[in-house]
């Protein structure tokens, strides 16, 4: 028997402190690396990654996926297996230059949430809505991820035990 359980909302914040903790891990795993894998605590604009050659775009996608899998595990949210939710991304850029909200598409972050086991899938049956908001915070650029209206399927046996 499958029972739908509702969980409290989850807030994940990717900021400079998180990125620096990840860099410590990254440079241990990749001792020959010279550059940080992800320079900003927010997803690259779709305008940047869509014009990349396929190998570069795949490399960027893999860097984000590796980072998000690490981050979700650090937050204790891996393998939640969320079957339905709404997701809101609040992106705080470090500059006041013009940013198109629809270009802040967090594709690679969402793929990492799935890879970590936090989300079952990122299709419309599992992610009911996606809200993107953009702001400027020169002192603390970051991405805030709010996962709301969370449903998780729990399987119970005939005795009512999970």
Protein backbone atom coordinates (compact mmCIF):
# COMPACT_ATOMS: atom_id res chain seq x y z
CA UNK A 1 0.00 0.00 0.00
CA UNK A 2 1.29 3.47 -0.91
CA UNK A 3 0.68 6.37 1.46
CA UNK A 4 1.35 10.00 0.52
CA UNK A 5 3.18 11.86 3.27
CA UNK A 6 3.49 15.65 3.26
CA UNK A 7 6.76 17.16 4.47
CA UNK A 8 7.64 20.63 5.71
CA UNK A 9 9.00 23.12 3.20
CA UNK A 10 12.75 23.00 2.58
CA UNK A 11 15.00 26.02 2.08
CA UNK A 12 18.46 25.57 0.56
CA UNK A 13 20.86 28.52 0.26
CA UNK A 14 23.89 28.50 -2.03
CA UNK A 15 26.17 31.37 -1.06
CA UNK A 16 29.87 32.20 -0.87
CA UNK A 17 30.40 30.16 2.32
CA UNK A 18 28.87 27.05 0.71
CA UNK A 19 30.96 27.54 -2.41
CA UNK A 20 34.16 27.85 -0.35
CA UNK A 21 33.37 24.62 1.55
CA UNK A 22 32.85 22.90 -1.79
CA UNK A 23 36.12 24.27 -3.18
CA UNK A 24 37.95 22.62 -0.27
CA UNK A 25 36.41 19.27 -1.23
CA UNK A 26 36.82 19.84 -4.96
CA UNK A 27 40.55 20.58 -4.81
CA UNK A 28 41.15 17.44 -2.72
CA UNK A 29 39.36 15.35 -5.35
CA UNK A 30 41.01 17.25 -8.22
CA UNK A 31 44.49 18.18 -6.92
CA UNK A 32 45.74 19.28 -10.35
CA UNK A 33 42.85 21.70 -10.91
CA UNK A 34 43.86 25.36 -11.03
CA UNK A 35 40.49 27.12 -11.22
CA UNK A 36 37.37 26.93 -9.10
CA UNK A 37 34.74 24.82 -10.86
CA UNK A 38 31.85 27.27 -10.38
CA UNK A 39 32.75 30.93 -9.88
CA UNK A 40 29.31 32.18 -8.77
CA UNK A 41 26.73 30.97 -6.24
CA UNK A 42 24.09 31.12 -8.95
CA UNK A 43 23.38 29.34 -12.21
CA UNK A 44 24.98 30.71 -15.37
CA UNK A 45 22.63 32.58 -17.70
CA UNK A 46 21.16 30.46 -20.45
CA UNK A 47 22.72 32.99 -22.86
CA UNK A 48 26.17 31.87 -21.73
CA UNK A 49 25.79 28.11 -21.70
CA UNK A 50 23.61 27.75 -24.81
CA UNK A 51 26.36 29.18 -27.04
CA UNK A 52 29.04 26.89 -25.60
CA UNK A 53 30.33 24.03 -27.67
CA UNK A 54 28.70 20.78 -26.58
CA UNK A 55 31.74 19.41 -24.63
CA UNK A 56 32.06 22.67 -22.65
CA UNK A 57 28.34 22.76 -21.92
CA UNK A 58 28.41 19.13 -20.76
CA UNK A 59 31.41 19.89 -18.55
CA UNK A 60 29.56 22.84 -16.96
CA UNK A 61 26.47 20.67 -16.45
CA UNK A 62 28.59 17.97 -14.78
CA UNK A 63 30.27 20.53 -12.49
CA UNK A 64 26.88 21.80 -11.34
CA UNK A 65 25.55 18.27 -10.91
CA UNK A 66 28.57 17.24 -8.82
CA UNK A 67 28.26 20.38 -6.70
CA UNK A 68 24.51 20.00 -6.11
CA UNK A 69 24.84 16.31 -5.22
CA UNK A 70 27.52 17.25 -2.66
CA UNK A 71 25.47 20.20 -1.36
CA UNK A 72 22.23 18.24 -0.98
CA UNK A 73 24.08 15.49 0.86
CA UNK A 74 25.73 18.08 3.13
CA UNK A 75 22.26 19.45 3.93
CA UNK A 76 20.95 15.96 4.76
CA UNK A 77 18.36 16.03 1.99
CA UNK A 78 19.74 13.32 -0.29
CA UNK A 79 17.50 10.36 -1.09
CA UNK A 80 14.31 12.09 0.10
CA UNK A 81 12.64 10.86 -3.11
CA UNK A 82 10.18 13.77 -3.35
CA UNK A 83 7.36 12.72 -5.66
CA UNK A 84 5.58 16.08 -5.98
CA UNK A 85 6.51 19.65 -5.12
CA UNK A 86 6.68 23.29 -6.17
CA UNK A 87 10.12 24.90 -6.49
CA UNK A 88 11.02 28.57 -6.19
CA UNK A 89 14.46 29.93 -7.11
CA UNK A 90 15.40 33.36 -5.76
CA UNK A 91 18.65 34.42 -7.43
CA UNK A 92 20.59 37.33 -5.95
CA UNK A 93 23.17 38.66 -8.43
CA UNK A 94 26.29 40.58 -7.43
CA UNK A 95 25.79 43.33 -10.01
CA UNK A 96 22.93 45.60 -10.88
CA UNK A 97 23.27 45.00 -14.60
CA UNK A 98 20.15 43.86 -16.39
CA UNK A 99 19.22 40.19 -15.92
CA UNK A 100 16.35 38.54 -17.75
CA UNK A 101 14.52 36.35 -15.28
CA UNK A 102 13.86 33.66 -17.88
CA UNK A 103 17.60 33.46 -18.61
CA UNK A 104 18.26 32.37 -15.01
CA UNK A 105 16.93 28.93 -15.93
CA UNK A 106 18.28 26.60 -13.17
CA UNK A 107 18.37 23.49 -15.37
CA UNK A 108 21.67 22.14 -14.06
CA UNK A 109 20.67 22.70 -10.42
CA UNK A 110 17.40 20.81 -10.88
CA UNK A 111 19.27 17.98 -12.63
CA UNK A 112 21.55 17.80 -9.58
CA UNK A 113 18.53 17.63 -7.25
CA UNK A 114 17.34 14.59 -9.22
CA UNK A 115 20.81 13.01 -9.32
CA UNK A 116 21.10 13.33 -5.52
CA UNK A 117 17.84 11.45 -5.02
CA UNK A 118 16.15 14.46 -3.46
CA UNK A 119 13.65 14.60 -6.36
CA UNK A 120 12.32 11.52 -8.12
CA UNK A 121 12.26 13.37 -11.45
CA UNK A 122 12.00 16.90 -12.79
CA UNK A 123 9.06 16.32 -15.13
CA UNK A 124 5.69 18.04 -14.70
CA UNK A 125 4.27 15.06 -12.80
CA UNK A 126 6.82 15.63 -10.03
CA UNK A 127 7.61 19.37 -10.17
CA UNK A 128 4.18 20.98 -10.35
CA UNK A 129 5.45 24.55 -10.67
CA UNK A 130 8.71 26.43 -11.04
CA UNK A 131 8.99 30.07 -9.95
CA UNK A 132 12.03 32.17 -10.86
CA UNK A 133 12.81 35.49 -9.15
CA UNK A 134 15.85 37.72 -9.61
CA UNK A 135 17.28 40.34 -7.24
CA UNK A 136 20.55 42.20 -6.64
CA UNK A 137 22.59 41.85 -3.44
CA UNK A 138 26.11 43.15 -4.05
CA UNK A 139 27.24 42.11 -0.58
CA UNK A 140 25.84 38.57 -0.58
CA UNK A 141 25.11 37.05 -4.00
CA UNK A 142 23.34 33.71 -3.64
CA UNK A 143 20.66 31.33 -4.78
CA UNK A 144 17.83 30.50 -2.42
CA UNK A 145 15.87 27.37 -3.33
CA UNK A 146 12.47 26.85 -1.72
CA UNK A 147 10.87 23.45 -2.13
CA UNK A 148 7.21 23.65 -1.11
CA UNK A 149 4.07 21.50 -0.97
CA UNK A 150 6.27 18.44 -0.69
CA UNK A 151 4.81 14.97 -1.11
CA UNK A 152 6.72 11.73 -0.58
CA UNK A 153 5.36 8.27 -1.25
CA UNK A 154 5.82 5.83 1.61
CA UNK A 155 5.17 2.16 1.05
CA UNK A 156 3.56 0.31 3.93
CA UNK A 157 3.10 -3.42 4.33
CA UNK A 158 -0.14 -5.00 5.49
CA UNK A 159 0.77 -4.38 9.16
CA UNK A 160 1.02 -0.62 8.55
CA UNK A 161 4.81 -0.64 8.84
CA UNK A 162 7.09 1.17 6.41
